[in-house]
Structure formats: C-alpha cells, structure tokens
Amino acid sequence: MTTTTVPGIVHEGPLAIQAGKSMLGTPSWIKQYFVLDDCMNLSFFRADKLKGQIVICHETTVRLSDSKPHTFELRTPYVVIQAQAKNDTDRDGWILALQKVIQAASSEKRSETFRKIRGKAQEMQKTKPTGNGTHVFLANNQQFEVDVRYDFKRVLGQGAYGTVVSVSDSTTGTDVAIKKIKSVFDNVIDAKRILREIRIMKFLKHKNISNVIDLMRPPSESAEEFNDVYIVMPLMDTDLHRVIYSQQKLTDQHIQFLLFQLLSAVHFMESARVIHRDLKPPNILVNAACELKICDFGLARTMAEEMEKDPTLYVVTRWYRAPELLFGCNRYTSAIDLWSVGCILAELIGRKPLFPGDDYLEQIQLIVDVLGQPSQSDLESLRDPGDTEEGPAVRYLRDLPAKTKTPWKDVPQLSKATPLCLDLLDKLLTFDANKRISAEQAIKHPYLASYHSQKLEKCDRTFTDTADLDESQEASKSAMRAAICKEIEFFRQY
C-alpha cells in the first residue's frame, strides 16, 4: 500500500541476495538491482527486467546480519531476505533508508491500531472452558464454542451468513480467521450454498484462493441436532473493496500485482471447470503484502452444471455482471468471471465502479455508453442457440440512440491508465463472450510482462461433487446436516 500516486526513489543500487544453496551445499547469492520508493515498494531487477517486488509494511524489520560481510536481513510477515551490499557504508545506507520507509508505514498504521485496540477491549470476553476440549467466548453478541487451541483476538466483520473473528492458533503459532454460520439448516438452499462453498474451498488448492483449514460444529450438540458451523480459514487483513475506497493510493505496479494474482486464481478455477459467478472487490481478500485470495464460493457452479440445465441468471452483483447475463442468455461460461475481472481492474484504476447501474436496463445503458452499440454478431452471441425471439433487453437496446465506442483513454476515471493497461481492459470487456480474452491469455498480455516468467498452476482434476447441491431439487434438513457432518469428519472425529 502506498502514500503517493507517483513513487519517488528513496534509495537504489545493486545488492546480492541469498537464493537457496548451491550443489555443494553452500549458500548461493544472486546480484540484482534494487529500488526502494516512497510508495513502500522494494523492487528488484535483473537485466533491466522487474523480477519481483516486496511491499514494506508496519511489521517489516531490518537488522544487521553476520551471514557474510556487509549484509543485512530484511524481514516482512511474508518473506525474509539476506542482502549483501558492496561495503559497510552502502549497507548502512540501505538500512537507514529502509528504516525511514518502515517508520512511514508504522505512522499510517498507528491510528488504525488504536481503533483496533479499543475495539478489542470492547469485544474481548473472558473465555469459559466447557470441559470437552472447547471454550466459549462472545463476539458481536454471538457465542462461539471452538477448540481451546483457538484464542479469540478480535471481530473482523459481520456477513450475510455469520460473524468472522480473528483467533490465535496455539497449535501452529499463527493467526487465522473463524467464520461462525448460525442456524445453517433453517433454509435448505442456504445450507446447500454453504456446503458448496466448503467443498469448493477444500478442492481448490491455490495460493490465491481461500481454503478451509479446519471445520467444526459445537461438540455440545449431537451430529443429528447441531445447527451452527465454524469454518477456519487463512487470516487476511482486509478486502479489495476497502482498499479501493481507502486513502491508500495504488501504483500501477500494485495494480499489476493484484491483477496477476486474480487472473491466476481464475485460470486455476477454469482448469477445475469452476465458475465463481460473484467476483467483486468485497469477495477478494488482501493482506498487507498485497497478496490476495478469492473467497465466497456459495454461488459458484461447475461448467458441467451450466450445460446440463438452465443456470441462474441473476448471480453476479449487477455492476460486475457480464452482458450475456444481462441479456438473459441461458448458457454461459467462465467468460462471465473475466468480465467481472475487467470491471474490477477499471475500479482499481479509477477508485469507483465503471458501470454502477441502478437496474439492469441502466446497466446496459452504461455499458453501451462506453463500448458503443453492439454489432449484429455481438447480439447474436447474446442469444441461446435456436432462440429466435428477442428478449426485453435486446428490444431496449435497439431503441437506444446509436452510440459509437468511447476510447478508453477518454473515460474520465481511466485517464491516468497506461496504454497497455487499457488494451488489456478492452480485451476483457467485450460484448461477445467468445471474443473475450481468457485468463491465461490475459496473464500473457504485455501489461503483465513482469510476471511472464511465473509458472501458471492448473488443477489436475475437475470439481464434480455436486450431486446433492442442485438448488432446484428438494432436500431435507437431515440430509443437509448429514452432508455437512461428513465434511466436518474430514477434519476431525467427535
């Protein structure tokens, strides 16, 4: 996260960093050119190509190291590097510059820390042991009954399905998040969505997708009667929506890094034949190092499900909804997720939604105002095969005044974006889903050239565990309870 839009250089020069061990078992060192800027980035280059970037945050530390002469250690919550300068004077210059940037990051964090401490004092309740390996605490007036290994720290938020808290895991020594979902089985469709989310998060093992660490039910309630579920997940600092609408500025490098991770996750989901269907900034979690994880898979579907029956059209939050959904197309693919990625990219650049329609007709109007009137072939792509009748959205579109495409650079909120960024945006936001760029193609676009050396992960299997998740089919509460109980048993036995 940064404090200015255009970064200024605080310190720069060559450093050798330790990179594993040689074949002889001795540490090997690679010389690279480092640039520290006042946006709290430490970027490193080799042969004039950006090879990586470390985000300096309030938790970063720097100290002298005795691994080799003229070395220092830089430690963030997510990476530790040993760096060797050319002499002690150069090393001391790097340490002073890094301390200056760390201090700036700490100053930004201080007011937020005071607020969190006050909130923690209000929320913290004395935990009460139950005698069966769990303890009870209150958070947001919700009673949590979890393993004694999880010590309550603070409330993170309240969502549609439950309260999320931060806890310290005494077994692993790490902080994690626990989401309590109350009264899971009061609504069978909601229970199916929760079950779907659990299964997909278990299945998709990717660093940019939130995963299930642990799964619990209150042991004081039997397997046949329990109503609450606790999902333990990796702890992240915030979500992308809060970042976008905060005072923290984003550089083009930050946007590239966030976009690369988002596309990597979508590419992995594509390989597993999973469509998220609700990609938006609140469903993208971010930490202090700008690392992200996609979450909230309750509305996700497999591509096989979409081909077998009429899918649900009104899924993606309207502002991020692809044209094929707005126009009522009953067959769609993971291309709808790529449209959402394009909308998120534009929002990262302009710090406001690109198409904030109040209803689906205004949504179409806003899209046409930028993309122009769709061609006849575009309109054909928005129909299901064999569908000869025009829907209300198409009729509305034909009644609109003719509109030519607005050059992306002339869209006010995108005026500061680079030409390469706008070219990628153009390929993500196309009417015809068949012409829309794929996640893999987007990652290979020149705008993300800094990450072209990164290996893309693919899922080696497709997600198929959906037989009991069809929301159009009736299911009993006992059947849903048994299915979720089976998922819990994957992690623990009661």
Protein backbone atom coordinates (compact mmCIF):
# COMPACT_ATOMS: atom_id res chain seq x y z
CA MET A 1 0.00 0.00 0.00
CA THR A 2 1.29 3.45 -0.80
CA THR A 3 1.09 7.07 0.29
CA THR A 4 1.61 8.82 -3.05
CA THR A 5 0.39 8.09 -6.53
CA VAL A 6 3.72 8.55 -8.31
CA PRO A 7 6.56 6.82 -6.46
CA GLY A 8 9.78 8.70 -5.73
CA ILE A 9 13.05 6.84 -5.27
CA VAL A 10 14.29 6.74 -1.66
CA HIS A 11 17.32 4.53 -2.30
CA GLU A 12 18.66 2.34 -5.09
CA GLY A 13 21.63 0.24 -6.05
CA PRO A 14 22.92 -3.31 -6.54
CA LEU A 15 22.60 -5.94 -3.82
CA ALA A 16 23.36 -9.64 -3.74
CA ILE A 17 20.59 -11.71 -2.16
CA GLN A 18 20.82 -15.23 -0.84
CA ALA A 19 18.94 -17.63 -3.12
CA GLY A 20 18.98 -21.12 -1.63
CA LYS A 21 22.05 -23.37 -1.75
CA SER A 22 24.42 -24.47 -4.45
CA MET A 23 25.05 -28.08 -5.46
CA LEU A 24 27.87 -28.16 -2.91
CA GLY A 25 25.51 -27.21 -0.12
CA THR A 26 26.86 -23.68 0.33
CA PRO A 27 24.60 -20.62 0.10
CA SER A 28 24.34 -19.15 -3.39
CA TRP A 29 23.93 -15.41 -3.98
CA ILE A 30 22.34 -13.58 -6.92
CA LYS A 31 23.17 -9.98 -7.72
CA GLN A 32 20.17 -7.80 -8.60
CA TYR A 33 19.41 -4.09 -8.80
CA PHE A 34 17.09 -2.85 -6.04
CA VAL A 35 14.92 0.28 -5.98
CA LEU A 36 13.20 1.44 -2.76
CA ASP A 37 10.48 4.02 -3.34
CA ASP A 38 8.33 6.20 -1.08
CA CYS A 39 5.26 4.14 -2.01
CA MET A 40 6.75 1.45 0.27
CA ASN A 41 7.84 -0.85 -2.55
CA LEU A 42 11.22 -2.58 -2.73
CA SER A 43 11.52 -3.68 -6.35
CA PHE A 44 14.35 -5.73 -7.79
CA PHE A 45 15.53 -6.00 -11.38
CA ARG A 46 17.86 -8.21 -13.38
CA ALA A 47 18.86 -7.37 -16.96
CA ASP A 48 16.51 -4.35 -16.78
CA LYS A 49 13.51 -6.63 -16.14
CA LEU A 50 11.42 -6.44 -12.99
CA LYS A 51 11.87 -9.76 -11.19
CA GLY A 52 9.83 -9.09 -8.07
CA GLN A 53 8.57 -6.66 -5.51
CA ILE A 54 8.41 -6.60 -1.71
CA VAL A 55 5.83 -4.36 -0.04
CA ILE A 56 7.19 -2.69 3.10
CA CYS A 57 4.61 -2.58 5.89
CA HIS A 58 4.48 -1.64 9.58
CA GLU A 59 5.54 -5.19 10.55
CA THR A 60 8.72 -5.10 8.44
CA THR A 61 12.06 -5.17 10.27
CA VAL A 62 15.64 -4.65 9.13
CA ARG A 63 18.81 -5.54 11.04
CA LEU A 64 22.48 -6.33 10.61
CA SER A 65 23.34 -9.88 9.61
CA ASP A 66 26.51 -11.87 10.18
CA SER A 67 25.94 -14.36 7.34
CA LYS A 68 28.55 -12.55 5.18
CA PRO A 69 30.42 -9.23 5.31
CA HIS A 70 28.34 -6.10 4.58
CA THR A 71 25.00 -7.96 4.88
CA PHE A 72 21.64 -7.14 6.44
CA GLU A 73 18.39 -9.03 6.95
CA LEU A 74 15.02 -7.70 5.80
CA ARG A 75 12.03 -9.49 7.30
CA THR A 76 8.34 -8.98 6.43
CA PRO A 77 5.40 -11.14 7.54
CA TYR A 78 5.70 -12.99 4.23
CA VAL A 79 9.36 -13.02 3.17
CA VAL A 80 12.86 -12.91 4.68
CA ILE A 81 15.89 -11.95 2.60
CA GLN A 82 19.60 -11.76 3.33
CA ALA A 83 21.18 -8.96 1.27
CA GLN A 84 24.84 -8.10 0.78
CA ALA A 85 25.96 -4.57 -0.07
CA LYS A 86 29.29 -3.67 -1.65
CA ASN A 87 30.65 -2.25 1.64
CA ASP A 88 29.55 -1.30 5.17
CA THR A 89 28.76 2.28 4.17
CA ASP A 90 26.44 1.09 1.42
CA ARG A 91 24.85 -1.43 3.80
CA ASP A 92 24.22 1.27 6.44
CA GLY A 93 22.66 3.50 3.77
CA TRP A 94 20.21 0.74 2.84
CA ILE A 95 19.32 0.11 6.48
CA LEU A 96 18.65 3.81 7.15
CA ALA A 97 16.52 4.13 4.00
CA LEU A 98 14.50 1.03 4.88
CA GLN A 99 14.00 2.22 8.46
CA LYS A 100 12.67 5.51 7.10
CA VAL A 101 10.07 3.76 4.94
CA ILE A 102 9.13 1.34 7.75
CA GLN A 103 8.59 4.30 10.06
CA ALA A 104 6.29 5.92 7.49
CA ALA A 105 4.30 2.68 7.24
CA SER A 106 4.09 2.47 11.03
CA SER A 107 2.77 6.03 11.28
CA GLU A 108 -0.04 5.18 8.86
CA LYS A 109 -0.88 2.12 10.91
CA ARG A 110 -0.84 3.79 14.34
CA SER A 111 -4.32 5.38 14.26
CA GLU A 112 -5.79 2.14 12.94
CA THR A 113 -4.02 0.22 15.73
CA PHE A 114 -5.55 2.43 18.43
CA ARG A 115 -9.00 1.81 16.95
CA LYS A 116 -8.41 -1.95 16.89
CA ILE A 117 -7.16 -1.98 20.49
CA ARG A 118 -10.27 -0.11 21.63
CA GLY A 119 -12.47 -2.47 19.64
CA LYS A 120 -10.69 -5.49 21.07
CA ALA A 121 -11.20 -4.22 24.61
CA GLN A 122 -14.90 -3.87 23.93
CA GLU A 123 -15.22 -7.26 22.24
CA MET A 124 -12.94 -9.40 24.37
CA GLN A 125 -14.83 -11.56 26.78
CA LYS A 126 -13.37 -13.98 29.27
CA THR A 127 -13.38 -17.43 27.69
CA LYS A 128 -15.14 -20.18 29.58
CA PRO A 129 -13.91 -23.78 29.28
CA THR A 130 -16.59 -26.36 28.59
CA GLY A 131 -14.66 -29.39 29.80
CA ASN A 132 -14.82 -31.19 26.43
CA GLY A 133 -11.78 -29.61 24.77
CA THR A 134 -13.54 -26.39 23.76
CA HIS A 135 -14.15 -23.00 25.28
CA VAL A 136 -16.82 -20.33 24.83
CA PHE A 137 -16.43 -16.60 24.16
CA LEU A 138 -18.69 -13.80 22.95
CA ALA A 139 -18.08 -11.74 19.79
CA ASN A 140 -20.65 -9.33 18.34
CA ASN A 141 -23.10 -10.79 20.84
CA GLN A 142 -22.57 -14.18 19.22
CA GLN A 143 -21.46 -17.13 21.32
CA PHE A 144 -18.54 -19.04 19.82
CA GLU A 145 -17.74 -22.56 21.02
CA VAL A 146 -14.43 -23.63 19.48
CA ASP A 147 -11.37 -25.74 20.31
CA VAL A 148 -9.23 -24.41 23.15
CA ARG A 149 -6.37 -24.10 20.63
CA TYR A 150 -8.15 -21.04 19.17
CA ASP A 151 -7.79 -17.92 21.34
CA PHE A 152 -10.08 -15.02 20.44
CA LYS A 153 -8.39 -11.77 19.35
CA ARG A 154 -10.96 -9.51 17.66
CA VAL A 155 -14.05 -9.32 15.48
CA LEU A 156 -13.28 -8.93 11.78
CA GLY A 157 -16.77 -8.40 10.40
CA GLN A 158 -20.34 -9.49 10.01
CA GLY A 159 -21.57 -11.01 6.75
CA ALA A 160 -24.79 -12.36 5.34
CA TYR A 161 -24.11 -15.83 6.75
CA GLY A 162 -22.34 -15.06 10.02
CA THR A 163 -19.70 -13.38 12.15
CA VAL A 164 -15.97 -13.62 11.38
CA VAL A 165 -13.34 -13.32 14.11
CA SER A 166 -9.56 -13.40 14.28
CA VAL A 167 -8.06 -16.00 16.59
CA SER A 168 -4.59 -17.18 17.51
CA ASP A 169 -3.97 -20.89 16.87
CA SER A 170 -1.75 -22.13 19.70
CA THR A 171 -1.02 -25.36 17.82
CA THR A 172 0.54 -23.71 14.76
CA GLY A 173 1.50 -20.36 16.31
CA THR A 174 -0.36 -18.47 13.56
CA ASP A 175 -3.40 -16.23 13.45
CA VAL A 176 -6.41 -17.49 11.48
CA ALA A 177 -10.00 -16.43 10.83
CA ILE A 178 -13.09 -18.29 12.03
CA LYS A 179 -16.48 -17.73 10.44
CA LYS A 180 -19.45 -18.82 12.52
CA ILE A 181 -22.51 -19.64 10.46
CA LYS A 182 -25.63 -19.71 12.61
CA SER A 183 -28.73 -21.80 12.05
CA VAL A 184 -27.31 -23.38 8.91
CA PHE A 185 -30.29 -25.62 8.28
CA ASP A 186 -33.10 -23.09 8.72
CA ASN A 187 -33.06 -22.63 4.94
CA VAL A 188 -32.17 -25.65 2.81
CA ILE A 189 -30.97 -23.55 -0.16
CA ASP A 190 -28.64 -21.58 2.12
CA ALA A 191 -27.40 -24.88 3.56
CA LYS A 192 -26.64 -26.11 0.03
CA ARG A 193 -24.69 -22.93 -0.72
CA ILE A 194 -22.67 -23.27 2.47
CA LEU A 195 -21.98 -26.92 1.66
CA ARG A 196 -20.96 -25.95 -1.88
CA GLU A 197 -18.57 -23.30 -0.56
CA ILE A 198 -16.96 -25.76 1.86
CA ARG A 199 -16.45 -28.40 -0.83
CA ILE A 200 -15.06 -25.99 -3.41
CA MET A 201 -12.69 -24.33 -0.92
CA LYS A 202 -11.45 -27.80 0.09
CA PHE A 203 -10.97 -28.77 -3.54
CA LEU A 204 -9.29 -25.68 -5.00
CA LYS A 205 -5.75 -25.68 -3.58
CA HIS A 206 -4.23 -22.45 -4.87
CA LYS A 207 -2.40 -19.69 -3.03
CA ASN A 208 -4.80 -17.05 -4.37
CA ILE A 209 -7.96 -18.92 -3.35
CA SER A 210 -9.12 -19.03 0.27
CA ASN A 211 -9.11 -22.55 1.68
CA VAL A 212 -10.62 -24.43 4.62
CA ILE A 213 -8.06 -25.05 7.39
CA ASP A 214 -10.47 -26.60 9.85
CA LEU A 215 -14.19 -27.26 10.17
CA MET A 216 -16.12 -27.61 13.43
CA ARG A 217 -19.52 -27.98 14.96
CA PRO A 218 -20.33 -27.37 18.65
CA PRO A 219 -19.45 -30.69 20.37
CA SER A 220 -22.14 -29.94 22.94
CA GLU A 221 -24.69 -30.66 20.17
CA SER A 222 -25.06 -34.08 18.59
CA ALA A 223 -24.39 -34.83 14.92
CA GLU A 224 -28.15 -35.21 14.44
CA GLU A 225 -29.07 -31.89 16.07
CA PHE A 226 -26.29 -29.33 15.57
CA ASN A 227 -27.22 -26.07 13.81
CA ASP A 228 -24.04 -23.97 13.78
CA VAL A 229 -20.86 -24.48 11.76
CA TYR A 230 -17.41 -22.92 12.23
CA ILE A 231 -15.14 -22.57 9.18
CA VAL A 232 -11.45 -21.85 9.89
CA MET A 233 -9.68 -20.02 7.06
CA PRO A 234 -6.43 -18.11 6.45
CA LEU A 235 -6.43 -14.67 8.05
CA MET A 236 -6.27 -11.72 5.68
CA ASP A 237 -6.07 -8.04 6.65
CA THR A 238 -8.92 -6.62 4.61
CA ASP A 239 -10.79 -6.93 1.32
CA LEU A 240 -10.24 -5.20 -2.01
CA HIS A 241 -13.34 -3.04 -1.65
CA ARG A 242 -11.93 -1.42 1.49
CA VAL A 243 -8.56 -0.93 -0.19
CA ILE A 244 -10.13 0.76 -3.22
CA TYR A 245 -12.16 3.18 -1.11
CA SER A 246 -9.45 3.89 1.45
CA GLN A 247 -6.99 6.79 1.41
CA GLN A 248 -4.17 4.42 0.48
CA LYS A 249 -3.00 5.03 -3.07
CA LEU A 250 -2.32 2.30 -5.59
CA THR A 251 0.53 2.47 -8.09
CA ASP A 252 0.43 0.77 -11.48
CA GLN A 253 2.80 -1.84 -10.06
CA HIS A 254 0.34 -2.64 -7.29
CA ILE A 255 -2.49 -2.98 -9.81
CA GLN A 256 -0.39 -5.30 -11.96
CA PHE A 257 0.43 -7.50 -8.97
CA LEU A 258 -3.19 -7.67 -7.79
CA LEU A 259 -4.45 -8.34 -11.32
CA PHE A 260 -1.88 -11.08 -11.91
CA GLN A 261 -2.95 -12.89 -8.74
CA LEU A 262 -6.65 -12.50 -9.54
CA LEU A 263 -6.18 -13.86 -13.05
CA SER A 264 -4.02 -16.72 -11.73
CA ALA A 265 -6.86 -17.76 -9.44
CA VAL A 266 -9.46 -17.50 -12.23
CA HIS A 267 -7.18 -19.54 -14.52
CA PHE A 268 -6.92 -22.24 -11.84
CA MET A 269 -10.71 -22.25 -11.41
CA GLU A 270 -11.12 -22.57 -15.19
CA SER A 271 -8.89 -25.64 -15.17
CA ALA A 272 -11.09 -27.16 -12.46
CA ARG A 273 -14.18 -26.24 -14.53
CA VAL A 274 -15.46 -23.94 -11.77
CA ILE A 275 -17.19 -20.60 -12.42
CA HIS A 276 -17.19 -18.28 -9.40
CA ARG A 277 -20.19 -16.22 -10.61
CA ASP A 278 -19.83 -13.47 -7.99
CA LEU A 279 -16.42 -11.88 -8.41
CA LYS A 280 -16.39 -8.39 -6.90
CA PRO A 281 -14.00 -6.44 -4.64
CA PRO A 282 -15.64 -7.50 -1.31
CA ASN A 283 -15.08 -11.15 -2.28
CA ILE A 284 -11.34 -10.64 -2.77
CA LEU A 285 -9.32 -10.68 0.44
CA VAL A 286 -6.00 -8.82 0.67
CA ASN A 287 -3.15 -8.70 3.18
CA ALA A 288 -0.52 -6.09 3.97
CA ALA A 289 1.82 -7.50 1.31
CA CYS A 290 -0.83 -7.02 -1.40
CA GLU A 291 -1.34 -10.78 -1.63
CA LEU A 292 -4.94 -11.71 -2.40
CA LYS A 293 -7.30 -14.65 -2.07
CA ILE A 294 -10.70 -15.11 -3.71
CA CYS A 295 -13.42 -16.13 -1.27
CA ASP A 296 -17.20 -16.66 -1.08
CA PHE A 297 -17.95 -19.61 -3.37
CA GLY A 298 -21.58 -20.05 -2.32
CA LEU A 299 -22.87 -19.09 -5.78
CA ALA A 300 -20.17 -20.90 -7.75
CA ARG A 301 -21.08 -23.58 -10.29
CA THR A 302 -19.26 -26.07 -12.45
CA MET A 303 -19.29 -25.70 -16.22
CA ALA A 304 -20.92 -29.14 -16.44
CA GLU A 305 -23.83 -27.90 -14.31
CA GLU A 306 -24.29 -24.92 -16.60
CA MET A 307 -24.51 -27.15 -19.68
CA GLU A 308 -26.97 -29.63 -18.19
CA LYS A 309 -29.73 -27.23 -17.17
CA ASP A 310 -30.79 -23.62 -17.21
CA PRO A 311 -28.38 -21.74 -14.95
CA THR A 312 -29.34 -18.99 -12.56
CA LEU A 313 -29.02 -15.69 -14.44
CA TYR A 314 -29.07 -13.14 -11.64
CA VAL A 315 -25.98 -14.18 -9.79
CA VAL A 316 -23.12 -11.71 -10.20
CA THR A 317 -23.68 -8.40 -8.44
CA ARG A 318 -25.14 -6.12 -11.11
CA TRP A 319 -22.17 -3.79 -11.52
CA TYR A 320 -19.91 -6.73 -12.40
CA ARG A 321 -22.47 -8.67 -14.47
CA ALA A 322 -21.47 -9.73 -17.99
CA PRO A 323 -23.71 -8.80 -20.98
CA GLU A 324 -24.71 -12.42 -21.59
CA LEU A 325 -26.31 -12.44 -18.13
CA LEU A 326 -27.98 -9.06 -18.60
CA PHE A 327 -29.44 -10.23 -21.92
CA GLY A 328 -30.81 -13.45 -20.44
CA CYS A 329 -28.55 -15.98 -22.13
CA ASN A 330 -29.16 -19.40 -20.58
CA ARG A 331 -25.75 -20.80 -21.46
CA TYR A 332 -22.61 -19.11 -20.22
CA THR A 333 -19.03 -19.99 -19.36
CA SER A 334 -16.19 -18.78 -17.17
CA ALA A 335 -16.04 -15.77 -19.52
CA ILE A 336 -18.50 -14.13 -17.11
CA ASP A 337 -15.73 -14.16 -14.48
CA LEU A 338 -13.36 -12.45 -16.94
CA TRP A 339 -15.88 -9.64 -17.49
CA SER A 340 -16.00 -9.20 -13.70
CA VAL A 341 -12.19 -9.07 -13.62
CA GLY A 342 -12.30 -6.28 -16.22
CA CYS A 343 -14.76 -4.30 -14.11
CA ILE A 344 -12.55 -4.79 -11.04
CA LEU A 345 -9.47 -3.65 -12.99
CA ALA A 346 -11.27 -0.45 -14.02
CA GLU A 347 -12.33 0.12 -10.41
CA LEU A 348 -8.75 -0.32 -9.19
CA ILE A 349 -7.63 2.35 -11.66
CA GLY A 350 -10.43 4.88 -11.11
CA ARG A 351 -11.33 4.12 -7.48
CA LYS A 352 -15.02 3.88 -8.38
CA PRO A 353 -17.24 1.41 -10.26
CA LEU A 354 -17.14 1.58 -14.05
CA PHE A 355 -20.78 0.56 -14.61
CA PRO A 356 -22.80 1.39 -11.44
CA GLY A 357 -26.31 0.78 -12.81
CA ASP A 358 -29.34 1.08 -10.54
CA ASP A 359 -31.22 -1.60 -12.51
CA TYR A 360 -30.42 -3.95 -15.36
CA LEU A 361 -31.62 -1.54 -18.07
CA GLU A 362 -29.46 1.28 -16.75
CA GLN A 363 -26.63 -1.24 -16.52
CA ILE A 364 -26.99 -1.91 -20.25
CA GLN A 365 -27.13 1.83 -20.96
CA LEU A 366 -23.89 2.48 -19.03
CA ILE A 367 -22.10 -0.34 -20.85
CA VAL A 368 -23.26 0.92 -24.26
CA ASP A 369 -22.15 4.46 -23.35
CA VAL A 370 -18.58 3.15 -23.18
CA LEU A 371 -18.49 0.14 -25.51
CA GLY A 372 -20.85 1.58 -28.09
CA GLN A 373 -23.76 -0.13 -29.81
CA PRO A 374 -23.08 -3.88 -30.14
CA SER A 375 -22.84 -5.23 -33.67
CA GLN A 376 -25.33 -7.70 -35.08
CA SER A 377 -22.85 -10.53 -34.48
CA ASP A 378 -22.46 -9.35 -30.87
CA LEU A 379 -26.22 -9.51 -30.42
CA GLU A 380 -26.31 -12.99 -31.91
CA SER A 381 -23.72 -14.11 -29.36
CA LEU A 382 -26.02 -12.93 -26.57
CA ARG A 383 -28.76 -15.39 -27.60
CA ASP A 384 -29.06 -19.06 -26.85
CA PRO A 385 -28.76 -21.36 -29.88
CA GLY A 386 -32.14 -21.76 -31.56
CA ASP A 387 -33.66 -18.78 -29.73
CA THR A 388 -35.47 -16.71 -32.39
CA GLU A 389 -37.31 -14.28 -30.13
CA GLU A 390 -35.71 -11.11 -28.87
CA GLY A 391 -35.82 -10.56 -25.14
CA PRO A 392 -36.76 -7.23 -23.47
CA ALA A 393 -33.10 -6.27 -23.04
CA VAL A 394 -32.42 -6.59 -26.78
CA ARG A 395 -35.56 -4.60 -27.62
CA TYR A 396 -34.50 -1.90 -25.15
CA LEU A 397 -31.05 -1.81 -26.75
CA ARG A 398 -32.46 -1.41 -30.26
CA ASP A 399 -34.47 1.59 -29.07
CA LEU A 400 -31.40 3.38 -27.75
CA PRO A 401 -29.83 6.14 -29.90
CA ALA A 402 -26.91 4.92 -31.98
CA LYS A 403 -23.71 5.15 -29.96
CA THR A 404 -20.08 4.74 -31.04
CA LYS A 405 -17.41 3.31 -28.78
CA THR A 406 -15.72 5.73 -26.39
CA PRO A 407 -11.91 5.46 -26.47
CA TRP A 408 -10.83 4.08 -23.12
CA LYS A 409 -8.43 6.97 -22.55
CA ASP A 410 -11.40 9.34 -22.79
CA VAL A 411 -13.27 7.64 -19.96
CA PRO A 412 -12.57 10.15 -17.13
CA GLN A 413 -11.78 7.64 -14.38
CA LEU A 414 -9.33 5.80 -16.66
CA SER A 415 -7.43 8.82 -17.97
CA LYS A 416 -4.27 8.00 -15.98
CA ALA A 417 -4.08 4.35 -17.04
CA THR A 418 -1.25 3.24 -19.33
CA PRO A 419 -1.99 2.26 -22.95
CA LEU A 420 -1.07 -1.37 -22.22
CA CYS A 421 -3.43 -1.46 -19.26
CA LEU A 422 -6.29 -0.06 -21.37
CA ASP A 423 -5.55 -2.55 -24.14
CA LEU A 424 -5.96 -5.44 -21.70
CA LEU A 425 -9.10 -3.84 -20.28
CA ASP A 426 -10.52 -3.63 -23.80
CA LYS A 427 -9.96 -7.35 -24.32
CA LEU A 428 -11.63 -8.22 -21.02
CA LEU A 429 -14.70 -6.04 -21.56
CA THR A 430 -16.16 -7.24 -24.86
CA PHE A 431 -19.82 -7.90 -25.63
CA ASP A 432 -19.15 -11.23 -27.29
CA ALA A 433 -18.01 -13.76 -24.68
CA ASN A 434 -16.42 -15.85 -27.46
CA LYS A 435 -14.09 -12.95 -28.25
CA ARG A 436 -13.37 -12.13 -24.60
CA ILE A 437 -9.80 -12.87 -23.57
CA SER A 438 -9.20 -15.93 -21.36
CA ALA A 439 -7.42 -15.79 -18.02
CA GLU A 440 -4.29 -17.42 -19.48
CA GLN A 441 -4.26 -15.03 -22.44
CA ALA A 442 -4.72 -12.08 -20.09
CA ILE A 443 -1.76 -13.18 -17.97
CA LYS A 444 0.37 -13.38 -21.12
CA HIS A 445 -0.65 -9.84 -22.16
CA PRO A 446 2.26 -7.32 -22.32
CA TYR A 447 0.73 -5.31 -19.45
CA LEU A 448 1.68 -8.17 -17.14
CA ALA A 449 5.10 -8.78 -18.71
CA SER A 450 6.77 -8.63 -15.28
CA TYR A 451 5.04 -11.90 -14.40
CA HIS A 452 5.51 -13.83 -17.63
CA SER A 453 8.26 -15.91 -16.04
CA GLN A 454 5.87 -17.13 -13.34
CA LYS A 455 4.61 -20.68 -13.78
CA LEU A 456 0.84 -20.94 -14.06
CA GLU A 457 -0.80 -23.61 -11.95
CA LYS A 458 -3.59 -25.80 -13.26
CA CYS A 459 -5.87 -28.06 -11.29
CA ASP A 460 -5.24 -31.68 -12.21
CA ARG A 461 -8.88 -32.64 -11.67
CA THR A 462 -12.31 -31.13 -12.29
CA PHE A 463 -14.70 -30.43 -9.46
CA THR A 464 -17.67 -32.80 -9.73
CA ASP A 465 -19.01 -33.24 -6.17
CA THR A 466 -22.32 -31.53 -6.91
CA ALA A 467 -24.95 -34.29 -6.95
CA ASP A 468 -26.73 -33.05 -3.81
CA LEU A 469 -26.21 -29.32 -4.47
CA ASP A 470 -28.88 -28.69 -7.12
CA GLU A 471 -30.97 -25.85 -5.69
CA SER A 472 -33.95 -26.80 -7.87
CA GLN A 473 -34.17 -30.21 -6.17
CA GLU A 474 -35.79 -30.64 -2.78
CA ALA A 475 -33.68 -31.87 0.12
CA SER A 476 -34.38 -32.48 3.78
CA LYS A 477 -32.66 -30.70 6.62
CA SER A 478 -31.43 -34.04 7.94
CA ALA A 479 -29.82 -34.83 4.58
CA MET A 480 -28.04 -31.46 4.53
CA ARG A 481 -26.95 -31.91 8.14
CA ALA A 482 -25.53 -35.33 7.33
CA ALA A 483 -23.68 -33.97 4.27
CA ILE A 484 -22.06 -31.14 6.24
CA CYS A 485 -21.28 -33.53 9.09
CA LYS A 486 -19.39 -35.70 6.59
CA GLU A 487 -17.31 -32.68 5.57
CA ILE A 488 -16.54 -31.96 9.23
CA GLU A 489 -15.41 -35.55 9.70
CA PHE A 490 -12.75 -34.95 7.04
CA PHE A 491 -11.04 -32.68 9.58
CA ARG A 492 -11.98 -34.22 12.94
CA GLN A 493 -13.79 -37.00 14.75
CA TYR A 494 -16.16 -36.25 17.62
